[in-house]
Protein backbone atom coordinates (compact mmCIF):
# COMPACT_ATOMS: atom_id res chain seq x y z
CA UNK A 1 -145.99 -71.14 -135.49
CA UNK A 2 -145.99 -67.35 -135.52
CA UNK A 3 -144.78 -65.73 -132.31
CA UNK A 4 -147.87 -63.93 -131.04
CA UNK A 5 -145.81 -61.67 -128.79
CA UNK A 6 -143.22 -60.62 -131.36
CA UNK A 7 -142.52 -56.91 -131.87
CA UNK A 8 -139.41 -57.55 -133.94
CA UNK A 9 -138.63 -54.84 -136.51
CA UNK A 10 -141.54 -52.64 -135.43
CA UNK A 11 -140.78 -48.93 -135.30
CA UNK A 12 -141.74 -47.65 -131.86
CA UNK A 13 -141.86 -44.03 -130.69
CA UNK A 14 -141.88 -43.59 -126.91
CA UNK A 15 -142.37 -40.01 -125.72
CA UNK A 16 -140.59 -38.89 -122.58
CA UNK A 17 -138.25 -41.84 -122.80
CA UNK A 18 -134.85 -40.45 -121.88
CA UNK A 19 -135.34 -41.69 -118.29
CA UNK A 20 -137.74 -43.39 -115.89
CA UNK A 21 -140.74 -45.40 -117.05
CA UNK A 22 -140.39 -44.26 -120.66
CA UNK A 23 -136.75 -45.32 -120.81
CA UNK A 24 -137.55 -48.78 -119.43
CA UNK A 25 -140.40 -49.27 -121.90
CA UNK A 26 -138.17 -48.12 -124.77
CA UNK A 27 -135.41 -50.43 -123.63
CA UNK A 28 -137.85 -53.34 -123.40
CA UNK A 29 -139.03 -52.83 -126.97
CA UNK A 30 -135.47 -52.48 -128.27
CA UNK A 31 -134.36 -55.64 -126.45
CA UNK A 32 -137.31 -57.43 -128.09
CA UNK A 33 -136.05 -56.45 -131.54
CA UNK A 34 -137.91 -53.22 -132.25
CA UNK A 35 -136.42 -50.07 -133.75
CA UNK A 36 -137.02 -47.50 -131.01
CA UNK A 37 -137.13 -43.71 -131.04
CA UNK A 38 -136.08 -42.08 -127.78
CA UNK A 39 -137.78 -38.73 -127.16
CA UNK A 40 -137.45 -35.93 -124.64
CA UNK A 41 -137.31 -32.15 -124.53
CA UNK A 42 -133.60 -32.10 -123.64
CA UNK A 43 -131.30 -32.97 -126.50
CA UNK A 44 -128.51 -33.86 -124.09
CA UNK A 45 -130.59 -36.32 -122.05
CA UNK A 46 -131.85 -37.95 -125.26
CA UNK A 47 -128.26 -38.33 -126.54
CA UNK A 48 -127.20 -39.87 -123.23
CA UNK A 49 -130.03 -42.43 -123.30
CA UNK A 50 -129.37 -43.31 -126.95
CA UNK A 51 -125.64 -43.73 -126.29
CA UNK A 52 -126.34 -46.16 -123.45
CA UNK A 53 -128.76 -48.28 -125.48
CA UNK A 54 -126.51 -48.31 -128.54
CA UNK A 55 -123.71 -49.61 -126.32
CA UNK A 56 -125.97 -52.57 -125.53
CA UNK A 57 -126.29 -53.36 -129.22
CA UNK A 58 -129.87 -52.11 -129.51
CA UNK A 59 -131.41 -50.30 -132.48
CA UNK A 60 -132.35 -46.84 -131.27
CA UNK A 61 -132.58 -43.29 -132.57
CA UNK A 62 -132.93 -40.04 -130.65
CA UNK A 63 -135.33 -37.24 -131.48
CA UNK A 64 -135.81 -34.29 -129.12
CA UNK A 65 -139.00 -32.26 -129.37
CA UNK A 66 -141.63 -30.69 -127.14
CA UNK A 67 -144.77 -32.87 -127.16
CA UNK A 68 -146.92 -29.87 -126.20
CA UNK A 69 -145.94 -27.88 -129.30
CA UNK A 70 -148.17 -28.88 -132.27
CA UNK A 71 -145.90 -27.42 -134.98
CA UNK A 72 -142.80 -29.06 -133.51
CA UNK A 73 -144.62 -32.38 -133.19
CA UNK A 74 -145.89 -32.32 -136.79
CA UNK A 75 -142.43 -31.51 -138.14
CA UNK A 76 -140.69 -34.25 -136.17
CA UNK A 77 -143.27 -36.97 -136.83
CA UNK A 78 -142.90 -36.26 -140.56
CA UNK A 79 -139.12 -36.46 -140.12
CA UNK A 80 -139.41 -39.86 -138.40
CA UNK A 81 -141.75 -41.23 -141.06
CA UNK A 82 -139.41 -40.13 -143.86
CA UNK A 83 -136.01 -40.92 -142.34
CA UNK A 84 -136.51 -43.83 -139.89
CA UNK A 85 -139.68 -45.49 -141.07
CA UNK A 86 -143.43 -45.70 -140.49
CA UNK A 87 -144.35 -45.48 -136.80
CA UNK A 88 -146.00 -48.82 -136.00
CA UNK A 89 -146.38 -48.18 -132.28
CA UNK A 90 -146.74 -44.92 -130.37
CA UNK A 91 -146.31 -44.94 -126.60
CA UNK A 92 -147.51 -41.67 -125.06
CA UNK A 93 -145.51 -41.60 -121.84
CA UNK A 94 -144.37 -37.98 -121.39
CA UNK A 95 -145.74 -36.34 -118.27
CA UNK A 96 -145.00 -34.16 -115.26
CA UNK A 97 -146.15 -33.51 -111.68
CA UNK A 98 -146.78 -30.18 -109.94
CA UNK A 99 -148.00 -30.85 -106.40
CA UNK A 100 -150.04 -28.36 -104.35
CA UNK A 101 -153.16 -28.37 -102.16
CA UNK A 102 -156.18 -27.78 -104.40
CA UNK A 103 -157.10 -24.52 -102.69
CA UNK A 104 -153.57 -23.18 -103.24
CA UNK A 105 -152.96 -24.57 -106.74
CA UNK A 106 -152.11 -21.87 -109.26
CA UNK A 107 -153.41 -21.72 -112.81
CA UNK A 108 -149.87 -22.32 -114.01
CA UNK A 109 -149.59 -25.52 -111.92
CA UNK A 110 -152.96 -26.69 -113.25
CA UNK A 111 -152.34 -25.82 -116.89
CA UNK A 112 -148.77 -27.18 -117.06
CA UNK A 113 -149.83 -30.64 -115.87
CA UNK A 114 -152.97 -30.87 -117.99
CA UNK A 115 -151.03 -29.68 -121.05
CA UNK A 116 -148.14 -32.12 -120.53
CA UNK A 117 -150.11 -35.15 -119.34
CA UNK A 118 -153.29 -34.92 -121.41
CA UNK A 119 -153.19 -32.34 -124.21
CA UNK A 120 -149.81 -33.61 -125.45
CA UNK A 121 -151.32 -37.06 -126.03
CA UNK A 122 -153.96 -35.51 -128.28
CA UNK A 123 -151.30 -33.54 -130.17
CA UNK A 124 -148.86 -36.41 -130.73
CA UNK A 125 -151.50 -39.07 -131.39
CA UNK A 126 -153.24 -36.89 -133.97
CA UNK A 127 -149.94 -36.32 -135.80
CA UNK A 128 -149.03 -40.02 -135.79
CA UNK A 129 -152.56 -41.25 -136.55
CA UNK A 130 -152.59 -39.30 -139.79
CA UNK A 131 -150.04 -41.78 -141.15
CA UNK A 132 -151.52 -44.82 -139.41
CA UNK A 133 -154.94 -44.08 -140.93
CA UNK A 134 -153.43 -44.08 -144.42
CA UNK A 135 -151.76 -47.44 -143.72
CA UNK A 136 -154.84 -48.75 -141.89
CA UNK A 137 -152.63 -50.12 -139.12
CA UNK A 138 -151.15 -48.97 -135.85
CA UNK A 139 -150.99 -49.28 -132.08
CA UNK A 140 -151.24 -46.44 -129.60
CA UNK A 141 -150.46 -47.05 -125.93
CA UNK A 142 -151.16 -44.27 -123.43
CA UNK A 143 -149.53 -44.26 -120.00
CA UNK A 144 -152.15 -43.25 -117.45
CA UNK A 145 -152.01 -43.88 -113.69
CA UNK A 146 -153.81 -45.32 -110.69
CA UNK A 147 -154.84 -41.72 -110.22
CA UNK A 148 -157.21 -42.11 -113.15
CA UNK A 149 -159.26 -44.19 -110.69
CA UNK A 150 -158.46 -42.80 -107.24
CA UNK A 151 -157.32 -39.42 -105.98
CA UNK A 152 -154.75 -38.35 -103.42
CA UNK A 153 -154.24 -34.93 -101.81
CA UNK A 154 -152.14 -32.30 -103.64
CA UNK A 155 -152.39 -33.84 -107.13
CA UNK A 156 -155.82 -32.73 -108.38
CA UNK A 157 -154.28 -31.50 -111.64
CA UNK A 158 -152.60 -34.87 -112.22
CA UNK A 159 -155.74 -36.84 -111.31
CA UNK A 160 -157.84 -34.75 -113.70
CA UNK A 161 -155.31 -35.18 -116.51
CA UNK A 162 -154.96 -38.94 -116.06
CA UNK A 163 -158.71 -39.42 -115.68
CA UNK A 164 -159.15 -37.47 -118.89
CA UNK A 165 -156.51 -39.61 -120.56
CA UNK A 166 -158.44 -42.76 -119.67
CA UNK A 167 -161.44 -41.39 -121.57
CA UNK A 168 -159.31 -40.03 -124.42
CA UNK A 169 -157.99 -43.58 -124.82
CA UNK A 170 -161.56 -44.85 -125.16
CA UNK A 171 -162.36 -42.06 -127.63
CA UNK A 172 -159.35 -42.90 -129.80
CA UNK A 173 -160.31 -46.57 -129.73
CA UNK A 174 -163.88 -45.67 -130.72
CA UNK A 175 -162.99 -43.35 -133.60
CA UNK A 176 -159.86 -44.98 -134.99
CA UNK A 177 -160.74 -48.65 -134.61
CA UNK A 178 -162.24 -48.64 -138.10
CA UNK A 179 -158.74 -47.92 -139.43
CA UNK A 180 -157.30 -50.94 -137.60
CA UNK A 181 -155.64 -48.66 -135.05
CA UNK A 182 -155.82 -50.19 -131.59
CA UNK A 183 -155.59 -47.77 -128.67
CA UNK A 184 -155.12 -48.96 -125.10
CA UNK A 185 -153.55 -47.67 -121.91
CA UNK A 186 -151.30 -48.85 -119.12
CA UNK A 187 -151.91 -47.59 -115.60
CA UNK A 188 -148.78 -47.83 -113.48
CA UNK A 189 -149.14 -48.29 -109.75
CA UNK A 190 -146.55 -46.98 -107.34
CA UNK A 191 -143.37 -47.16 -109.43
CA UNK A 192 -139.95 -45.98 -108.25
CA UNK A 193 -138.98 -43.08 -110.54
CA UNK A 194 -137.66 -39.53 -110.27
CA UNK A 195 -141.27 -38.33 -110.03
CA UNK A 196 -142.08 -40.58 -107.07
CA UNK A 197 -138.74 -40.26 -105.25
CA UNK A 198 -140.07 -37.61 -102.82
CA UNK A 199 -142.78 -40.12 -101.84
CA UNK A 200 -140.53 -43.16 -101.55
CA UNK A 201 -138.09 -41.12 -99.45
CA UNK A 202 -140.86 -40.39 -96.95
CA UNK A 203 -140.76 -43.31 -94.45
CA UNK A 204 -144.47 -43.09 -93.61
CA UNK A 205 -145.55 -43.01 -97.26
CA UNK A 206 -143.13 -45.79 -98.16
CA UNK A 207 -144.60 -47.93 -95.38
CA UNK A 208 -148.15 -47.10 -96.52
CA UNK A 209 -147.43 -48.19 -100.10
CA UNK A 210 -145.93 -51.48 -98.96
CA UNK A 211 -148.89 -52.13 -96.66
CA UNK A 212 -151.49 -51.34 -99.35
CA UNK A 213 -149.94 -53.23 -102.27
CA UNK A 214 -150.42 -57.03 -102.00
CA UNK A 215 -146.92 -57.63 -103.41
CA UNK A 216 -145.63 -55.43 -100.55
CA UNK A 217 -143.18 -53.50 -102.70
CA UNK A 218 -142.91 -50.58 -105.08
CA UNK A 219 -142.90 -51.42 -108.76
CA UNK A 220 -139.82 -50.95 -110.92
CA UNK A 221 -139.99 -49.09 -114.27
CA UNK A 222 -139.06 -52.30 -116.10
CA UNK A 223 -142.21 -53.96 -114.73
CA UNK A 224 -144.19 -52.03 -117.36
CA UNK A 225 -142.31 -53.20 -120.45
CA UNK A 226 -144.09 -56.54 -120.74
CA UNK A 227 -147.56 -54.99 -120.75
CA UNK A 228 -146.48 -52.52 -123.44
CA UNK A 229 -145.01 -55.26 -125.63
CA UNK A 230 -148.21 -57.31 -125.22
CA UNK A 231 -150.37 -54.36 -126.33
CA UNK A 232 -148.12 -53.81 -129.36
CA UNK A 233 -148.14 -57.46 -130.46
CA UNK A 234 -150.53 -59.72 -132.35
CA UNK A 235 -151.46 -61.32 -129.02
CA UNK A 236 -153.68 -58.27 -128.32
CA UNK A 237 -155.15 -57.75 -131.80
CA UNK A 238 -158.77 -57.66 -130.51
CA UNK A 239 -158.12 -55.57 -127.41
CA UNK A 240 -159.14 -51.96 -127.90
CA UNK A 241 -160.00 -49.15 -125.50
CA UNK A 242 -158.86 -50.80 -122.28
CA UNK A 243 -156.49 -49.90 -119.46
CA UNK A 244 -154.18 -52.55 -118.00
CA UNK A 245 -153.18 -51.64 -114.46
CA UNK A 246 -149.67 -52.71 -113.51
CA UNK A 247 -150.07 -52.04 -109.80
CA UNK A 248 -149.01 -55.10 -107.83
CA UNK A 249 -152.65 -55.73 -106.96
CA UNK A 250 -153.40 -52.33 -105.43
CA UNK A 251 -156.89 -52.14 -106.97
CA UNK A 252 -157.74 -55.72 -106.02
CA UNK A 253 -158.16 -54.94 -102.33
CA UNK A 254 -159.54 -52.32 -99.98
């Protein structure tokens, strides 16, 4: 019987994958037999991540480019298609935080986050979809956040970007479904990463997270790999336009 959850030999591009959540998702795909492309803006950090994964016997390639630069994205997606192989799965993970009270938030802090966390997904997905449309096959997985559903102080830019990404995911699913391109999202809960370290280091916030999450712990980046593999596999071939929240049950209770 065919393995419904197999992603073996699929070519998977994960943006922002030289560390954190993106790295763990990339590693999960590679361990499951996929050919994975590690991406980041820093060539050195990409090389470091690739070196580590190659040492584990995994099939990975590194490609550094800025996901917010349309010309750079187009050039590098074409390079991947021609030199590595057709992108079967795109995971849009790249993102940043710039925290500030809403009344003090600068235009730069607003624009940087919206550009990196929302606009980049449009840019990269459009470039990859061009090839997927021709092949009439593909999977796109967008990494959103709990903050697509609920806000917290000092991250209005991030909440707006991730809320927009939830609807962009639905729009991609609506428009590209006819080409057999399935687009879904994963919404991480409170995951221990470089971005959340300032929060986890705060004893009161750490205690709040553990009291609010039914599993009473922070998530680990590797907790997201299974959901991504599911959304890239034949097991999810009629799931389109949805967000799976990997949050330890945070949204299940008040």
